[in-house]
Amino acid sequence: MTTYHTPVLLKESIDGLNIKPNGVYVDVTFGGGGHSKEILSRLTSGKILGFDQDLDAAKNSINDKRFIFCHGNFRFLKNFLRLNGVLKIDGLLADLGVSSHHFDIAERGFTFQSDAPLDMRMNQGAKLSAGEILNTYSFEKLLRLFNEFGEVENSRRLTGEIIKAREVAPFVSSQGFIDAIQKCLPRGAENKYLAKVYQALRIEVNHELDALKKMLLQSLELMDPGARMAVITYHSLEDRIVKNFFKSGNFEGKIDKDFFGNPIIPFKAINNKVIIPSSEEIALNSRSRSAKLRIAERI
C-alpha cells in the first residue's frame, strides 16, 4: 500500500507557525493530513480546518472534535470559514502543487510516466480536463499557457504540432499526446521538457495561480497582527506570487507608502532566506527536491 502523501518540510513549516495551543489554524492543502496532524498535536483547546477539493483526501479526515474537514477549493477560504463560525485565524499552512497520491494514481493523469487519460483534475467534479484543453483550445490560448505556465522552450513549435495532430484524431491518452509531440522533445532532456508541459496543463486545468492569489488576498482579512502563514512552493511561478505578496501585500511586489512616506506592508518575514529541505529529506522524499518554504507574520 502506498502512502497517500508524505508531508514536505513538516517540522520547519509547523515550527514556523508558532502554534498557540488554543489557536485556530487552517491547512488549505489537507491531502494526507500530515501537516494537520502535526498542528493538532500542538493544540489543546484550539482547532484546525483542513481544506481539500479532492474527495480522495476526505478519506484521510481526522477523527478529532478539534478538526473540521472542508471539501472545497481554498479560493473559497473565507466563505468556508464563515460557514464554520470562524472569522479570524491564528495561522495558515499551504503545501502547494501536486500530492504524492496524484502522481501514484496513474489514471488521474498527472504523470507522463504511464499511459493514462489526459485528466489532471484535482477536483474530479470539475469539467475542464487536460484532454479538453489540448483538443479545443485555440493556437493562441495554447501558446499562452505553455509560455506563461510552463515557460516551455519552442512553445510555438509545440503548439503547432498539437494543432496538426488533433486534426487527424483527438487526444485521448498521455502516450498518444507524447507520441504526437516527439519532434519537440530535446534529446537527453525529454523528461524535464515534459514536466514543464504537464505543469502548464495542470495549472490551467485547476486554475492554480488564480486560486492561490484569491486565497492570499482573503488571508489579509482573516489574520490579525501576530498570525502567521507558512507556504511551501514548488516552482518559480508560485514562489514569485508568494514572495511578492509577503513583501508588499500585492502580486507585483510594489510597496505602497502612507501620507508620511512610510511603507505599508502587511507582513514581516520570519525567514529572511527561503527554507529548503535537507539532503536527508530529499533522499527520502524526491517530491521535496524543488520545495521552498516562506513564513511571514501579519503586522
C-alpha atoms as a PDB file:
ATOM      1  CA  MET A   1       0.000   0.000   0.000  1.00  0.00           C
ATOM      2  CA  THR A   2       1.460   3.373  -0.985  1.00  0.00           C
ATOM      3  CA  THR A   3       1.498   6.350   1.349  1.00  0.00           C
ATOM      4  CA  TYR A   4      -1.149   8.876   0.325  1.00  0.00           C
ATOM      5  CA  HIS A   5       1.199  11.807   0.750  1.00  0.00           C
ATOM      6  CA  THR A   6       4.460  12.426   2.597  1.00  0.00           C
ATOM      7  CA  PRO A   7       4.422  15.924   4.124  1.00  0.00           C
ATOM      8  CA  VAL A   8       7.256  18.167   2.978  1.00  0.00           C
ATOM      9  CA  LEU A   9       9.262  20.370   5.376  1.00  0.00           C
ATOM     10  CA  LEU A  10       6.977  19.196   8.181  1.00  0.00           C
ATOM     11  CA  LYS A  11       8.888  20.387  11.238  1.00  0.00           C
ATOM     12  CA  GLU A  12      10.116  23.600   9.636  1.00  0.00           C
ATOM     13  CA  SER A  13       6.662  24.696   8.474  1.00  0.00           C
ATOM     14  CA  ILE A  14       4.795  23.867  11.695  1.00  0.00           C
ATOM     15  CA  ASP A  15       7.529  25.337  13.905  1.00  0.00           C
ATOM     16  CA  GLY A  16       7.293  28.464  11.780  1.00  0.00           C
ATOM     17  CA  LEU A  17       3.601  28.865  12.560  1.00  0.00           C
ATOM     18  CA  ASN A  18       4.467  29.304  16.258  1.00  0.00           C
ATOM     19  CA  ILE A  19       1.364  27.346  17.279  1.00  0.00           C
ATOM     20  CA  LYS A  20      -0.802  28.685  20.104  1.00  0.00           C
ATOM     21  CA  PRO A  21      -2.402  25.747  21.960  1.00  0.00           C
ATOM     22  CA  ASN A  22      -5.804  27.481  21.928  1.00  0.00           C
ATOM     23  CA  GLY A  23      -5.484  28.962  18.427  1.00  0.00           C
ATOM     24  CA  VAL A  24      -7.468  28.483  15.229  1.00  0.00           C
ATOM     25  CA  TYR A  25      -5.492  27.170  12.239  1.00  0.00           C
ATOM     26  CA  VAL A  26      -6.151  26.353   8.615  1.00  0.00           C
ATOM     27  CA  ASP A  27      -4.403  23.783   6.422  1.00  0.00           C
ATOM     28  CA  VAL A  28      -5.584  24.773   2.947  1.00  0.00           C
ATOM     29  CA  THR A  29      -3.966  21.714   1.316  1.00  0.00           C
ATOM     30  CA  PHE A  30      -5.008  18.835   3.594  1.00  0.00           C
ATOM     31  CA  GLY A  31      -4.058  15.897   1.336  1.00  0.00           C
ATOM     32  CA  GLY A  32      -2.927  13.009   3.515  1.00  0.00           C
ATOM     33  CA  GLY A  33      -3.278  15.083   6.652  1.00  0.00           C
ATOM     34  CA  GLY A  34       0.370  15.014   7.717  1.00  0.00           C
ATOM     35  CA  HIS A  35       0.709  18.748   8.364  1.00  0.00           C
ATOM     36  CA  SER A  36      -2.729  18.939  10.006  1.00  0.00           C
ATOM     37  CA  LYS A  37      -1.912  16.089  12.391  1.00  0.00           C
ATOM     38  CA  GLU A  38       1.286  17.841  13.466  1.00  0.00           C
ATOM     39  CA  ILE A  39      -0.609  21.085  14.108  1.00  0.00           C
ATOM     40  CA  LEU A  40      -3.271  19.139  16.024  1.00  0.00           C
ATOM     41  CA  SER A  41      -0.614  17.536  18.237  1.00  0.00           C
ATOM     42  CA  ARG A  42       0.344  21.019  19.445  1.00  0.00           C
ATOM     43  CA  LEU A  43      -3.199  22.183  20.213  1.00  0.00           C
ATOM     44  CA  THR A  44      -5.164  21.893  23.444  1.00  0.00           C
ATOM     45  CA  SER A  45      -8.482  23.736  23.133  1.00  0.00           C
ATOM     46  CA  GLY A  46      -7.665  25.092  19.669  1.00  0.00           C
ATOM     47  CA  LYS A  47      -8.950  23.774  16.352  1.00  0.00           C
ATOM     48  CA  ILE A  48      -7.887  23.271  12.764  1.00  0.00           C
ATOM     49  CA  LEU A  49      -9.805  23.304   9.488  1.00  0.00           C
ATOM     50  CA  GLY A  50      -8.398  21.251   6.617  1.00  0.00           C
ATOM     51  CA  PHE A  51      -9.275  22.129   3.018  1.00  0.00           C
ATOM     52  CA  ASP A  52      -9.103  19.842   0.016  1.00  0.00           C
ATOM     53  CA  GLN A  53     -11.072  19.862  -3.223  1.00  0.00           C
ATOM     54  CA  ASP A  54     -10.197  16.224  -3.937  1.00  0.00           C
ATOM     55  CA  LEU A  55     -12.694  13.816  -2.364  1.00  0.00           C
ATOM     56  CA  ASP A  56      -9.938  11.198  -2.139  1.00  0.00           C
ATOM     57  CA  ALA A  57      -8.461  13.358   0.635  1.00  0.00           C
ATOM     58  CA  ALA A  58     -11.712  13.207   2.620  1.00  0.00           C
ATOM     59  CA  LYS A  59     -10.911   9.561   3.364  1.00  0.00           C
ATOM     60  CA  ASN A  60      -7.970  10.828   5.438  1.00  0.00           C
ATOM     61  CA  SER A  61     -10.146  13.081   7.609  1.00  0.00           C
ATOM     62  CA  ILE A  62      -9.031  13.121  11.253  1.00  0.00           C
ATOM     63  CA  ASN A  63     -11.427  11.758  13.866  1.00  0.00           C
ATOM     64  CA  ASP A  64     -10.993  14.542  16.405  1.00  0.00           C
ATOM     65  CA  LYS A  65     -13.576  17.103  17.511  1.00  0.00           C
ATOM     66  CA  ARG A  66     -10.935  19.813  17.098  1.00  0.00           C
ATOM     67  CA  PHE A  67     -10.646  19.061  13.355  1.00  0.00           C
ATOM     68  CA  ILE A  68     -13.063  20.092  10.582  1.00  0.00           C
ATOM     69  CA  PHE A  69     -12.682  18.839   7.009  1.00  0.00           C
ATOM     70  CA  CYS A  70     -13.775  21.309   4.307  1.00  0.00           C
ATOM     71  CA  HIS A  71     -14.383  19.782   0.891  1.00  0.00           C
ATOM     72  CA  GLY A  72     -13.625  22.721  -1.365  1.00  0.00           C
ATOM     73  CA  ASN A  73     -11.043  24.796  -3.171  1.00  0.00           C
ATOM     74  CA  PHE A  74      -9.105  27.172  -0.951  1.00  0.00           C
ATOM     75  CA  ARG A  75     -10.137  30.019  -3.263  1.00  0.00           C
ATOM     76  CA  PHE A  76     -13.344  29.950  -1.153  1.00  0.00           C
ATOM     77  CA  LEU A  77     -11.422  30.145   2.116  1.00  0.00           C
ATOM     78  CA  LYS A  78     -13.376  32.969   3.745  1.00  0.00           C
ATOM     79  CA  ASN A  79     -16.801  31.549   2.885  1.00  0.00           C
ATOM     80  CA  PHE A  80     -15.985  28.110   4.310  1.00  0.00           C
ATOM     81  CA  LEU A  81     -14.582  29.631   7.488  1.00  0.00           C
ATOM     82  CA  ARG A  82     -17.706  31.737   7.986  1.00  0.00           C
ATOM     83  CA  LEU A  83     -19.889  28.653   7.470  1.00  0.00           C
ATOM     84  CA  ASN A  84     -17.988  27.111  10.376  1.00  0.00           C
ATOM     85  CA  GLY A  85     -18.257  30.208  12.561  1.00  0.00           C
ATOM     86  CA  VAL A  86     -14.638  31.283  12.106  1.00  0.00           C
ATOM     87  CA  LEU A  87     -13.919  34.968  11.466  1.00  0.00           C
ATOM     88  CA  LYS A  88     -10.231  35.110  12.399  1.00  0.00           C
ATOM     89  CA  ILE A  89      -7.359  32.624  12.321  1.00  0.00           C
ATOM     90  CA  ASP A  90      -4.010  32.392  14.080  1.00  0.00           C
ATOM     91  CA  GLY A  91      -2.186  30.653  11.283  1.00  0.00           C
ATOM     92  CA  LEU A  92      -2.416  29.191   7.791  1.00  0.00           C
ATOM     93  CA  LEU A  93      -0.401  26.489   6.082  1.00  0.00           C
ATOM     94  CA  ALA A  94      -0.284  25.830   2.327  1.00  0.00           C
ATOM     95  CA  ASP A  95       1.672  22.996   0.717  1.00  0.00           C
ATOM     96  CA  LEU A  96       1.083  23.810  -2.941  1.00  0.00           C
ATOM     97  CA  GLY A  97       1.482  21.679  -6.040  1.00  0.00           C
ATOM     98  CA  VAL A  98       0.580  18.037  -6.565  1.00  0.00           C
ATOM     99  CA  SER A  99       0.435  15.428  -3.813  1.00  0.00           C
ATOM    100  CA  SER A 100       2.240  12.087  -3.936  1.00  0.00           C
ATOM    101  CA  HIS A 101      -1.191  10.466  -4.254  1.00  0.00           C
ATOM    102  CA  HIS A 102      -1.926  12.272  -7.517  1.00  0.00           C
ATOM    103  CA  PHE A 103       1.302  11.006  -9.052  1.00  0.00           C
ATOM    104  CA  ASP A 104       0.857   7.471  -7.714  1.00  0.00           C
ATOM    105  CA  ILE A 105      -2.672   7.002  -9.110  1.00  0.00           C
ATOM    106  CA  ALA A 106      -1.858   6.875 -12.828  1.00  0.00           C
ATOM    107  CA  GLU A 107      -5.464   7.175 -14.025  1.00  0.00           C
ATOM    108  CA  ARG A 108      -5.652  10.685 -12.570  1.00  0.00           C
ATOM    109  CA  GLY A 109      -3.361  11.742 -15.435  1.00  0.00           C
ATOM    110  CA  PHE A 110      -0.838  13.831 -13.501  1.00  0.00           C
ATOM    111  CA  THR A 111       2.200  11.854 -14.626  1.00  0.00           C
ATOM    112  CA  PHE A 112       3.592  11.185 -18.089  1.00  0.00           C
ATOM    113  CA  GLN A 113       5.420   8.088 -16.847  1.00  0.00           C
ATOM    114  CA  SER A 114       2.492   5.808 -17.676  1.00  0.00           C
ATOM    115  CA  ASP A 115      -0.218   5.787 -20.309  1.00  0.00           C
ATOM    116  CA  ALA A 116      -3.330   7.307 -18.766  1.00  0.00           C
ATOM    117  CA  PRO A 117      -6.306   9.540 -19.588  1.00  0.00           C
ATOM    118  CA  LEU A 118      -5.460  13.212 -20.098  1.00  0.00           C
ATOM    119  CA  ASP A 119      -7.239  14.317 -16.930  1.00  0.00           C
ATOM    120  CA  MET A 120      -5.254  16.278 -14.260  1.00  0.00           C
ATOM    121  CA  ARG A 121      -8.361  17.496 -12.397  1.00  0.00           C
ATOM    122  CA  MET A 122      -7.731  17.880  -8.668  1.00  0.00           C
ATOM    123  CA  ASN A 123     -11.477  18.289  -8.244  1.00  0.00           C
ATOM    124  CA  GLN A 124     -12.891  15.315 -10.113  1.00  0.00           C
ATOM    125  CA  GLY A 125     -16.237  17.071 -10.364  1.00  0.00           C
ATOM    126  CA  ALA A 126     -14.758  19.878 -12.460  1.00  0.00           C
ATOM    127  CA  LYS A 127     -15.491  19.953 -16.206  1.00  0.00           C
ATOM    128  CA  LEU A 128     -12.174  21.106 -17.674  1.00  0.00           C
ATOM    129  CA  SER A 129      -9.569  18.388 -18.247  1.00  0.00           C
ATOM    130  CA  ALA A 130      -6.157  18.375 -19.914  1.00  0.00           C
ATOM    131  CA  GLY A 131      -7.651  16.468 -22.839  1.00  0.00           C
ATOM    132  CA  GLU A 132     -10.308  19.105 -23.423  1.00  0.00           C
ATOM    133  CA  ILE A 133      -7.655  21.829 -23.378  1.00  0.00           C
ATOM    134  CA  LEU A 134      -5.489  20.008 -25.918  1.00  0.00           C
ATOM    135  CA  ASN A 135      -8.441  19.204 -28.172  1.00  0.00           C
ATOM    136  CA  THR A 136     -10.320  22.530 -28.094  1.00  0.00           C
ATOM    137  CA  TYR A 137      -8.063  25.471 -27.188  1.00  0.00           C
ATOM    138  CA  SER A 138      -7.049  27.800 -29.998  1.00  0.00           C
ATOM    139  CA  PHE A 139      -3.438  28.134 -31.110  1.00  0.00           C
ATOM    140  CA  GLU A 140      -3.176  31.456 -29.219  1.00  0.00           C
ATOM    141  CA  LYS A 141      -4.581  30.053 -25.961  1.00  0.00           C
ATOM    142  CA  LEU A 142      -2.332  27.000 -26.067  1.00  0.00           C
ATOM    143  CA  LEU A 143       0.716  29.131 -26.840  1.00  0.00           C
ATOM    144  CA  ARG A 144      -0.089  31.449 -23.919  1.00  0.00           C
ATOM    145  CA  LEU A 145      -0.421  28.695 -21.350  1.00  0.00           C
ATOM    146  CA  PHE A 146       2.767  26.903 -22.442  1.00  0.00           C
ATOM    147  CA  ASN A 147       4.670  30.200 -22.338  1.00  0.00           C
ATOM    148  CA  GLU A 148       3.233  31.558 -19.091  1.00  0.00           C
ATOM    149  CA  PHE A 149       2.604  28.439 -17.011  1.00  0.00           C
ATOM    150  CA  GLY A 150       5.355  26.135 -18.231  1.00  0.00           C
ATOM    151  CA  GLU A 151       7.980  28.510 -19.602  1.00  0.00           C
ATOM    152  CA  VAL A 152       8.347  25.849 -22.287  1.00  0.00           C
ATOM    153  CA  GLU A 153      11.114  26.201 -24.853  1.00  0.00           C
ATOM    154  CA  ASN A 154       9.996  26.094 -28.520  1.00  0.00           C
ATOM    155  CA  SER A 155       6.378  26.544 -27.345  1.00  0.00           C
ATOM    156  CA  ARG A 156       5.312  27.811 -30.772  1.00  0.00           C
ATOM    157  CA  ARG A 157       6.530  24.636 -32.463  1.00  0.00           C
ATOM    158  CA  LEU A 158       4.932  22.533 -29.719  1.00  0.00           C
ATOM    159  CA  THR A 159       1.582  24.254 -30.204  1.00  0.00           C
ATOM    160  CA  GLY A 160       1.788  23.751 -33.951  1.00  0.00           C
ATOM    161  CA  GLU A 161       2.410  20.010 -33.552  1.00  0.00           C
ATOM    162  CA  ILE A 162      -0.576  19.736 -31.197  1.00  0.00           C
ATOM    163  CA  ILE A 163      -2.901  21.517 -33.621  1.00  0.00           C
ATOM    164  CA  LYS A 164      -1.678  19.374 -36.513  1.00  0.00           C
ATOM    165  CA  ALA A 165      -2.065  16.075 -34.634  1.00  0.00           C
ATOM    166  CA  ARG A 166      -5.561  16.772 -33.305  1.00  0.00           C
ATOM    167  CA  GLU A 167      -6.816  17.449 -36.827  1.00  0.00           C
ATOM    168  CA  VAL A 168      -6.108  13.791 -37.577  1.00  0.00           C
ATOM    169  CA  ALA A 169      -7.565  12.389 -34.320  1.00  0.00           C
ATOM    170  CA  PRO A 170      -8.414  13.851 -30.906  1.00  0.00           C
ATOM    171  CA  PHE A 171      -6.042  13.274 -27.995  1.00  0.00           C
ATOM    172  CA  VAL A 172      -7.247  10.563 -25.617  1.00  0.00           C
ATOM    173  CA  SER A 173      -4.253   9.332 -23.616  1.00  0.00           C
ATOM    174  CA  SER A 174      -0.887  10.574 -22.442  1.00  0.00           C
ATOM    175  CA  GLN A 175       1.047   8.230 -24.711  1.00  0.00           C
ATOM    176  CA  GLY A 176      -0.816   9.436 -27.773  1.00  0.00           C
ATOM    177  CA  PHE A 177      -0.062  13.010 -26.797  1.00  0.00           C
ATOM    178  CA  ILE A 178       3.631  12.352 -26.156  1.00  0.00           C
ATOM    179  CA  ASP A 179       3.945  10.468 -29.468  1.00  0.00           C
ATOM    180  CA  ALA A 180       2.436  13.473 -31.265  1.00  0.00           C
ATOM    181  CA  ILE A 181       4.992  15.930 -29.859  1.00  0.00           C
ATOM    182  CA  GLN A 182       8.079  13.714 -30.163  1.00  0.00           C
ATOM    183  CA  LYS A 183       9.745  16.158 -32.586  1.00  0.00           C
ATOM    184  CA  CYS A 184       9.682  18.862 -29.887  1.00  0.00           C
ATOM    185  CA  LEU A 185      11.400  16.864 -27.147  1.00  0.00           C
ATOM    186  CA  PRO A 186      15.063  17.827 -26.672  1.00  0.00           C
ATOM    187  CA  ARG A 187      17.299  14.794 -26.787  1.00  0.00           C
ATOM    188  CA  GLY A 188      18.571  13.854 -23.340  1.00  0.00           C
ATOM    189  CA  ALA A 189      16.147  16.208 -21.583  1.00  0.00           C
ATOM    190  CA  GLU A 190      12.814  14.667 -22.565  1.00  0.00           C
ATOM    191  CA  ASN A 191      11.505  14.275 -19.005  1.00  0.00           C
ATOM    192  CA  LYS A 192      12.428  17.799 -17.996  1.00  0.00           C
ATOM    193  CA  TYR A 193      10.639  19.153 -21.057  1.00  0.00           C
ATOM    194  CA  LEU A 194       7.535  17.033 -20.477  1.00  0.00           C
ATOM    195  CA  ALA A 195       7.452  18.116 -16.833  1.00  0.00           C
ATOM    196  CA  LYS A 196       7.125  21.736 -17.984  1.00  0.00           C
ATOM    197  CA  VAL A 197       4.404  20.843 -20.486  1.00  0.00           C
ATOM    198  CA  TYR A 198       2.464  18.893 -17.869  1.00  0.00           C
ATOM    199  CA  GLN A 199       2.907  21.674 -15.317  1.00  0.00           C
ATOM    200  CA  ALA A 200       1.405  24.184 -17.742  1.00  0.00           C
ATOM    201  CA  LEU A 201      -1.589  21.961 -18.469  1.00  0.00           C
ATOM    202  CA  ARG A 202      -2.156  21.164 -14.790  1.00  0.00           C
ATOM    203  CA  ILE A 203      -2.085  24.831 -13.761  1.00  0.00           C
ATOM    204  CA  GLU A 204      -4.625  25.660 -16.473  1.00  0.00           C
ATOM    205  CA  VAL A 205      -6.914  22.735 -15.646  1.00  0.00           C
ATOM    206  CA  ASN A 206      -7.046  23.646 -11.956  1.00  0.00           C
ATOM    207  CA  HIS A 207      -6.709  27.451 -12.269  1.00  0.00           C
ATOM    208  CA  GLU A 208      -3.966  27.103  -9.661  1.00  0.00           C
ATOM    209  CA  LEU A 209      -2.379  30.542  -9.781  1.00  0.00           C
ATOM    210  CA  ASP A 210      -5.707  32.353  -9.735  1.00  0.00           C
ATOM    211  CA  ALA A 211      -6.845  30.257  -6.761  1.00  0.00           C
ATOM    212  CA  LEU A 212      -3.572  30.978  -4.929  1.00  0.00           C
ATOM    213  CA  LYS A 213      -3.962  34.730  -5.411  1.00  0.00           C
ATOM    214  CA  LYS A 214      -7.582  34.670  -4.207  1.00  0.00           C
ATOM    215  CA  MET A 215      -6.630  32.685  -1.110  1.00  0.00           C
ATOM    216  CA  LEU A 216      -3.740  35.005  -0.236  1.00  0.00           C
ATOM    217  CA  LEU A 217      -5.884  38.132  -0.570  1.00  0.00           C
ATOM    218  CA  GLN A 218      -8.555  36.640   1.692  1.00  0.00           C
ATOM    219  CA  SER A 219      -5.922  35.793   4.295  1.00  0.00           C
ATOM    220  CA  LEU A 220      -5.315  39.510   4.848  1.00  0.00           C
ATOM    221  CA  GLU A 221      -8.833  39.876   6.236  1.00  0.00           C
ATOM    222  CA  LEU A 222      -8.645  36.712   8.315  1.00  0.00           C
ATOM    223  CA  MET A 223      -5.318  37.306  10.052  1.00  0.00           C
ATOM    224  CA  ASP A 224      -4.820  39.763  12.903  1.00  0.00           C
ATOM    225  CA  PRO A 225      -1.343  41.014  13.890  1.00  0.00           C
ATOM    226  CA  GLY A 226       0.762  38.129  15.158  1.00  0.00           C
ATOM    227  CA  ALA A 227      -0.915  35.483  12.988  1.00  0.00           C
ATOM    228  CA  ARG A 228       1.459  33.547  10.753  1.00  0.00           C
ATOM    229  CA  MET A 229       1.399  31.965   7.313  1.00  0.00           C
ATOM    230  CA  ALA A 230       3.691  29.201   6.036  1.00  0.00           C
ATOM    231  CA  VAL A 231       3.641  28.459   2.305  1.00  0.00           C
ATOM    232  CA  ILE A 232       5.564  25.708   0.513  1.00  0.00           C
ATOM    233  CA  THR A 233       6.001  26.230  -3.237  1.00  0.00           C
ATOM    234  CA  TYR A 234       7.455  24.004  -5.960  1.00  0.00           C
ATOM    235  CA  HIS A 235       8.054  26.201  -8.990  1.00  0.00           C
ATOM    236  CA  SER A 236       9.035  29.789  -9.720  1.00  0.00           C
ATOM    237  CA  LEU A 237       5.527  30.956 -10.693  1.00  0.00           C
ATOM    238  CA  GLU A 238       4.052  30.050  -7.294  1.00  0.00           C
ATOM    239  CA  ASP A 239       7.094  31.247  -5.406  1.00  0.00           C
ATOM    240  CA  ARG A 240       7.102  34.652  -7.121  1.00  0.00           C
ATOM    241  CA  ILE A 241       3.456  35.220  -6.187  1.00  0.00           C
ATOM    242  CA  VAL A 242       4.042  34.311  -2.534  1.00  0.00           C
ATOM    243  CA  LYS A 243       7.315  36.247  -2.279  1.00  0.00           C
ATOM    244  CA  ASN A 244       5.770  39.438  -3.688  1.00  0.00           C
ATOM    245  CA  PHE A 245       2.651  39.090  -1.559  1.00  0.00           C
ATOM    246  CA  PHE A 246       4.625  38.684   1.672  1.00  0.00           C
ATOM    247  CA  LYS A 247       6.797  41.627   0.696  1.00  0.00           C
ATOM    248  CA  SER A 248       4.087  44.086  -0.337  1.00  0.00           C
ATOM    249  CA  GLY A 249       0.569  42.682   0.027  1.00  0.00           C
ATOM    250  CA  ASN A 250       0.181  42.569  -3.765  1.00  0.00           C
ATOM    251  CA  PHE A 251       1.447  40.345  -6.554  1.00  0.00           C
ATOM    252  CA  GLU A 252       3.678  42.861  -8.288  1.00  0.00           C
ATOM    253  CA  GLY A 253       5.884  43.379  -5.230  1.00  0.00           C
ATOM    254  CA  LYS A 254       5.261  47.139  -5.305  1.00  0.00           C
ATOM    255  CA  ILE A 255       5.330  48.628  -1.801  1.00  0.00           C
ATOM    256  CA  ASP A 256       2.830  51.433  -1.241  1.00  0.00           C
ATOM    257  CA  LYS A 257       3.543  54.289   1.180  1.00  0.00           C
ATOM    258  CA  ASP A 258       1.339  56.295   3.509  1.00  0.00           C
ATOM    259  CA  PHE A 259       0.998  60.096   3.589  1.00  0.00           C
ATOM    260  CA  PHE A 260       4.254  60.404   5.536  1.00  0.00           C
ATOM    261  CA  GLY A 261       6.238  58.165   3.210  1.00  0.00           C
ATOM    262  CA  ASN A 262       6.217  55.129   5.492  1.00  0.00           C
ATOM    263  CA  PRO A 263       5.956  51.776   3.692  1.00  0.00           C
ATOM    264  CA  ILE A 264       2.621  49.997   4.035  1.00  0.00           C
ATOM    265  CA  ILE A 265       3.467  46.334   4.426  1.00  0.00           C
ATOM    266  CA  PRO A 266       1.084  43.694   5.805  1.00  0.00           C
ATOM    267  CA  PHE A 267       3.685  41.064   6.729  1.00  0.00           C
ATOM    268  CA  LYS A 268       7.166  40.691   8.105  1.00  0.00           C
ATOM    269  CA  ALA A 269       9.307  37.772   7.008  1.00  0.00           C
ATOM    270  CA  ILE A 270      10.138  35.194   9.663  1.00  0.00           C
ATOM    271  CA  ASN A 271      12.790  33.563   7.497  1.00  0.00           C
ATOM    272  CA  ASN A 272      14.878  36.083   5.574  1.00  0.00           C
ATOM    273  CA  LYS A 273      16.212  33.287   3.395  1.00  0.00           C
ATOM    274  CA  VAL A 274      13.902  30.757   1.798  1.00  0.00           C
ATOM    275  CA  ILE A 275      13.940  27.408   3.652  1.00  0.00           C
ATOM    276  CA  ILE A 276      14.710  24.314   1.579  1.00  0.00           C
ATOM    277  CA  PRO A 277      14.656  20.622   2.562  1.00  0.00           C
ATOM    278  CA  SER A 278      17.748  18.927   3.889  1.00  0.00           C
ATOM    279  CA  SER A 279      19.605  16.435   1.731  1.00  0.00           C
ATOM    280  CA  GLU A 280      18.314  13.722   4.095  1.00  0.00           C
ATOM    281  CA  GLU A 281      14.685  14.691   3.441  1.00  0.00           C
ATOM    282  CA  ILE A 282      15.234  14.852  -0.319  1.00  0.00           C
ATOM    283  CA  ALA A 283      16.724  11.341  -0.228  1.00  0.00           C
ATOM    284  CA  LEU A 284      13.567  10.059   1.496  1.00  0.00           C
ATOM    285  CA  ASN A 285      11.053  12.110  -0.487  1.00  0.00           C
ATOM    286  CA  SER A 286      12.003  13.110  -4.030  1.00  0.00           C
ATOM    287  CA  ARG A 287       8.973  15.436  -4.271  1.00  0.00           C
ATOM    288  CA  SER A 288      10.683  17.755  -1.793  1.00  0.00           C
ATOM    289  CA  ARG A 289      13.601  18.399  -4.177  1.00  0.00           C
ATOM    290  CA  SER A 290      12.152  21.649  -5.534  1.00  0.00           C
ATOM    291  CA  ALA A 291      10.311  22.755  -2.373  1.00  0.00           C
ATOM    292  CA  LYS A 292      10.743  26.243  -0.921  1.00  0.00           C
ATOM    293  CA  LEU A 293       9.207  27.405   2.355  1.00  0.00           C
ATOM    294  CA  ARG A 294       8.372  31.009   3.173  1.00  0.00           C
ATOM    295  CA  ILE A 295       6.976  32.094   6.535  1.00  0.00           C
ATOM    296  CA  ALA A 296       5.552  35.504   7.351  1.00  0.00           C
ATOM    297  CA  GLU A 297       3.778  37.166  10.266  1.00  0.00           C
ATOM    298  CA  ARG A 298       0.868  39.589   9.970  1.00  0.00           C
ATOM    299  CA  ILE A 299       1.767  43.056  11.311  1.00  0.00           C
END
